[in-house]
Protein backbone atom coordinates (compact mmCIF):
# COMPACT_ATOMS: atom_id res chain seq x y z
CA MET A 1 -71.81 -1.39 -48.32
CA MET A 2 -75.24 -1.29 -46.70
CA LYS A 3 -76.78 1.71 -44.97
CA THR A 4 -79.03 1.23 -41.92
CA GLN A 5 -80.45 3.01 -38.90
CA VAL A 6 -79.74 1.89 -35.35
CA GLN A 7 -81.50 2.92 -32.16
CA MET A 8 -79.48 2.96 -28.93
CA PRO A 9 -79.78 4.42 -25.45
CA ASP A 10 -78.44 7.95 -24.98
CA TYR A 11 -75.53 6.85 -22.77
CA LEU A 12 -74.35 4.37 -25.41
CA TYR A 13 -74.55 6.99 -28.14
CA LYS A 14 -72.58 9.50 -26.04
CA GLU A 15 -69.84 6.96 -25.31
CA ALA A 16 -69.63 5.93 -28.96
CA LYS A 17 -69.39 9.61 -30.01
CA ARG A 18 -66.68 10.20 -27.38
CA ILE A 19 -64.64 7.30 -28.75
CA ALA A 20 -65.14 8.53 -32.31
CA ASP A 21 -64.00 12.04 -31.39
CA GLN A 22 -61.03 11.00 -29.26
CA TYR A 23 -59.73 8.45 -31.77
CA GLU A 24 -60.59 10.50 -34.88
CA MET A 25 -63.06 7.99 -36.32
CA SER A 26 -66.57 8.31 -37.59
CA LEU A 27 -69.43 7.02 -35.49
CA ALA A 28 -70.06 4.45 -38.23
CA GLU A 29 -66.48 3.17 -37.88
CA VAL A 30 -66.91 2.79 -34.11
CA VAL A 31 -70.09 0.79 -34.65
CA ARG A 32 -68.48 -1.39 -37.35
CA ARG A 33 -65.49 -2.14 -35.12
CA GLY A 34 -67.77 -2.99 -32.20
CA ILE A 35 -69.76 -5.42 -34.31
CA GLU A 36 -66.55 -6.98 -35.66
CA ARG A 37 -65.39 -7.59 -32.08
CA ILE A 38 -68.63 -9.23 -30.94
CA ILE A 39 -69.10 -11.58 -33.93
CA PRO A 40 -66.55 -14.19 -32.68
CA SER A 41 -68.48 -14.40 -29.39
CA TYR A 42 -71.58 -15.66 -31.19
CA PRO A 43 -70.66 -18.53 -33.53
CA GLU A 44 -73.27 -19.74 -35.97
CA ARG A 45 -75.74 -22.12 -34.35
CA GLU A 46 -76.53 -25.60 -35.56
CA LYS A 47 -79.59 -26.10 -37.72
CA GLU A 48 -82.90 -26.54 -35.89
CA GLY A 49 -84.04 -30.09 -35.26
CA LYS A 50 -80.61 -31.49 -34.47
CA VAL A 51 -80.57 -33.08 -31.03
CA TRP A 52 -77.80 -31.76 -28.79
CA GLU A 53 -75.58 -34.39 -27.22
CA LEU A 54 -73.15 -34.04 -24.36
CA PRO A 55 -69.63 -33.97 -25.82
CA ARG A 56 -67.59 -37.08 -25.09
CA LEU A 57 -64.39 -36.47 -23.17
CA SER A 58 -61.54 -38.88 -23.64
CA LEU A 59 -59.11 -38.96 -20.71
CA SER A 60 -57.28 -42.01 -22.05
CA LEU A 61 -58.09 -43.97 -18.89
CA LYS A 62 -57.80 -47.75 -18.88
CA GLU A 63 -60.91 -48.11 -16.72
CA ASP A 64 -63.76 -45.92 -15.51
CA PRO A 65 -62.77 -44.57 -12.05
CA PHE A 66 -66.44 -44.07 -11.16
CA GLN A 67 -67.49 -47.64 -11.95
CA ASP A 68 -66.87 -48.66 -8.32
CA PRO A 69 -69.75 -47.40 -6.13
CA ASP A 70 -67.24 -46.73 -3.29
CA TRP A 71 -65.00 -44.46 -5.39
CA ARG A 72 -65.43 -41.50 -3.02
CA GLU A 73 -64.34 -43.52 0.00
CA LYS A 74 -61.31 -44.92 -1.82
CA LEU A 75 -60.32 -41.47 -3.02
CA ASN A 76 -60.46 -40.12 0.55
CA GLN A 77 -58.44 -43.07 1.86
CA ARG A 78 -55.77 -42.45 -0.77
CA GLY A 79 -55.55 -38.78 0.32
CA ASN A 80 -54.95 -39.75 3.98
CA ASP A 81 -52.06 -42.15 3.20
């Protein structure tokens, strides 16, 4: 296990101490649990240099509904039928 120092605003420290006291944990345990909860929110990023591409979405359509330049008009006509 590694030992480290962390700086935090007073209000954050007081809240963390309150949680530790009320739930009978050490401050270190509160911090560890908080970090464990946030890790899934920040997945590992891709390596630098890789060009990001828009993900392709497959809707299993037989034809592109937006290929026709008048698609908006046709959509509105269908809604009024």
